[in-house]
Amino acid sequence: MDFLLVGVPGLIVLYGGVRLSETAIDPDTYPRIVAWCLAGFVVVLAVIELLNLEPGVTIAYPRWSFTLGTAFGIAAGFGVGVNDARAPSRTHERSSGTTEPSNARTTDRTRSPGWSPTNSRTRSPSPRYTSNESPRATTPRSGK
């Protein structure tokens, strides 16, 4: 069981690292991913160390806590790093014009002749009121 708790985050990072070259992420952003992995490692390590230094908190197995926590911190850092590295890659693709937008909603909106952001946010008038009636023109309630 202990191997699974530490091995699964390790396998996630290992598998993701191997598959990273097959993605559309620019290789120049790989150091960002490594930086996020190290940041996840350091942050979790610092939190566990602060808990260990707190006199009112007792950690039964500090080595195990460090091992498990840092494994999850590195895996979380890898996920955040990959997401962070995708942003410049997407920006570079859009600026170079090599790919179409992958979002179907964006594609539909750009092809729609009358679409604009302000048109999509405005709502049509409610059918409950006629043109002579105001929504605030209601009879006052009695206090009884």
Protein backbone atom coordinates (compact mmCIF):
# COMPACT_ATOMS: atom_id res chain seq x y z
CA MET A 1 0.00 0.00 0.00
CA ASP A 2 2.82 2.40 0.84
CA PHE A 3 4.40 1.77 -2.55
CA LEU A 4 1.14 2.70 -4.30
CA LEU A 5 0.80 5.96 -2.38
CA VAL A 6 4.24 7.11 -3.45
CA GLY A 7 4.47 5.16 -6.70
CA VAL A 8 1.30 6.52 -8.32
CA PRO A 9 2.43 10.18 -8.23
CA GLY A 10 5.84 9.05 -9.43
CA LEU A 11 4.31 7.13 -12.32
CA ILE A 12 2.17 10.13 -13.23
CA VAL A 13 5.26 12.33 -13.47
CA LEU A 14 7.25 9.65 -15.30
CA TYR A 15 4.51 8.88 -17.83
CA GLY A 16 3.73 12.56 -18.32
CA GLY A 17 7.40 13.37 -18.80
CA VAL A 18 7.80 10.68 -21.44
CA ARG A 19 4.66 11.80 -23.29
CA LEU A 20 5.56 15.48 -23.01
CA SER A 21 7.56 15.46 -26.22
CA GLU A 22 4.49 14.18 -28.11
CA THR A 23 2.32 17.12 -27.07
CA ALA A 24 2.01 20.53 -28.71
CA ILE A 25 3.90 22.14 -25.84
CA ASP A 26 6.93 24.11 -26.96
CA PRO A 27 10.20 22.52 -25.70
CA ASP A 28 11.36 25.98 -24.60
CA THR A 29 8.73 25.84 -21.84
CA TYR A 30 9.98 22.56 -20.34
CA PRO A 31 12.03 24.45 -17.71
CA ARG A 32 8.75 25.99 -16.52
CA ILE A 33 7.36 22.52 -15.89
CA VAL A 34 10.49 21.56 -13.95
CA ALA A 35 10.24 24.78 -11.94
CA TRP A 36 6.62 24.01 -11.02
CA CYS A 37 7.58 20.48 -9.96
CA LEU A 38 10.31 21.89 -7.72
CA ALA A 39 7.91 24.52 -6.38
CA GLY A 40 5.39 21.81 -5.47
CA PHE A 41 8.15 19.84 -3.77
CA VAL A 42 9.40 22.84 -1.77
CA VAL A 43 5.96 24.09 -0.75
CA VAL A 44 4.80 20.72 0.57
CA LEU A 45 8.15 20.14 2.27
CA ALA A 46 7.91 23.57 3.94
CA VAL A 47 4.35 22.96 5.14
CA ILE A 48 5.25 19.59 6.64
CA GLU A 49 8.36 21.06 8.26
CA LEU A 50 6.31 23.90 9.76
CA LEU A 51 3.88 21.34 11.15
CA ASN A 52 6.81 19.34 12.51
CA LEU A 53 8.19 22.43 14.27
CA GLU A 54 4.84 23.32 15.84
CA PRO A 55 4.96 22.20 19.48
CA GLY A 56 1.28 21.27 19.63
CA VAL A 57 1.40 19.00 16.57
CA THR A 58 2.91 15.53 16.65
CA ILE A 59 3.66 13.76 13.39
CA ALA A 60 3.86 10.04 14.06
CA TYR A 61 5.96 9.18 11.00
CA PRO A 62 7.80 12.30 9.83
CA ARG A 63 9.89 10.55 7.16
CA TRP A 64 6.79 8.97 5.66
CA SER A 65 5.00 12.33 5.74
CA PHE A 66 7.89 13.98 3.91
CA THR A 67 8.02 11.20 1.32
CA LEU A 68 4.29 11.06 0.66
CA GLY A 69 3.79 14.82 0.75
CA THR A 70 6.60 15.61 -1.60
CA ALA A 71 5.49 12.90 -4.04
CA PHE A 72 2.06 14.50 -4.27
CA GLY A 73 3.63 17.98 -4.37
CA ILE A 74 5.77 17.05 -7.37
CA ALA A 75 2.81 15.46 -9.18
CA ALA A 76 0.66 18.52 -8.52
CA GLY A 77 3.50 20.76 -9.65
CA PHE A 78 3.80 18.75 -12.85
CA GLY A 79 0.10 19.21 -13.57
CA VAL A 80 0.24 22.94 -12.91
CA GLY A 81 3.47 23.25 -14.91
CA VAL A 82 2.00 21.50 -17.95
CA ASN A 83 -1.06 23.74 -17.79
CA ASP A 84 1.16 26.80 -17.41
CA ALA A 85 3.37 25.72 -20.32
CA ARG A 86 0.37 25.30 -22.61
CA ALA A 87 -0.58 28.98 -22.39
CA PRO A 88 2.49 30.36 -24.25
CA SER A 89 2.25 27.47 -26.73
CA ARG A 90 -1.37 28.37 -27.50
CA THR A 91 -0.48 32.05 -27.79
CA HIS A 92 2.37 31.22 -30.17
CA GLU A 93 0.08 29.05 -32.31
CA ARG A 94 -2.56 31.77 -32.51
CA SER A 95 -0.07 34.49 -33.38
CA SER A 96 1.59 32.40 -36.09
CA GLY A 97 -1.80 31.40 -37.52
CA THR A 98 -0.80 27.77 -37.97
CA THR A 99 -3.83 26.21 -36.32
CA GLU A 100 -7.53 26.85 -36.10
CA PRO A 101 -9.06 27.57 -32.68
CA SER A 102 -9.87 24.28 -31.00
CA ASN A 103 -12.83 25.62 -29.04
CA ALA A 104 -16.05 24.87 -30.94
CA ARG A 105 -17.91 27.75 -29.31
CA THR A 106 -15.28 30.24 -30.42
CA THR A 107 -15.35 28.87 -33.96
CA ASP A 108 -19.15 29.10 -34.10
CA ARG A 109 -19.10 32.66 -32.80
CA THR A 110 -16.54 33.84 -35.29
CA ARG A 111 -18.58 32.40 -38.17
CA SER A 112 -21.84 33.92 -36.97
CA PRO A 113 -22.38 37.18 -38.91
CA GLY A 114 -24.15 39.19 -36.21
CA TRP A 115 -22.36 37.92 -33.13
CA SER A 116 -20.59 40.25 -30.78
CA PRO A 117 -19.83 39.98 -27.07
CA THR A 118 -22.37 42.66 -26.22
CA ASN A 119 -25.12 40.92 -28.21
CA SER A 120 -24.60 37.65 -26.37
CA ARG A 121 -24.85 39.27 -22.96
CA THR A 122 -27.99 41.31 -23.49
CA ARG A 123 -31.26 39.63 -22.80
CA SER A 124 -34.47 40.11 -24.65
CA PRO A 125 -37.25 41.92 -22.79
CA SER A 126 -39.36 39.75 -20.58
CA PRO A 127 -42.69 38.79 -22.15
CA ARG A 128 -44.51 39.38 -18.85
CA TYR A 129 -44.75 43.13 -19.33
CA THR A 130 -46.35 45.08 -22.09
CA SER A 131 -44.82 48.24 -23.48
CA ASN A 132 -47.16 50.38 -21.32
CA GLU A 133 -46.39 48.50 -18.12
CA SER A 134 -43.31 48.91 -15.99
CA PRO A 135 -41.97 46.03 -13.93
CA ARG A 136 -42.12 48.30 -10.87
CA ALA A 137 -45.67 49.43 -11.55
CA THR A 138 -47.34 46.95 -9.24
CA THR A 139 -49.93 47.59 -6.61
CA PRO A 140 -48.47 48.17 -3.15
CA ARG A 141 -49.09 45.47 -0.59
CA SER A 142 -51.02 46.31 2.48
CA GLY A 143 -49.28 45.87 5.81
CA LYS A 144 -52.05 43.70 7.26
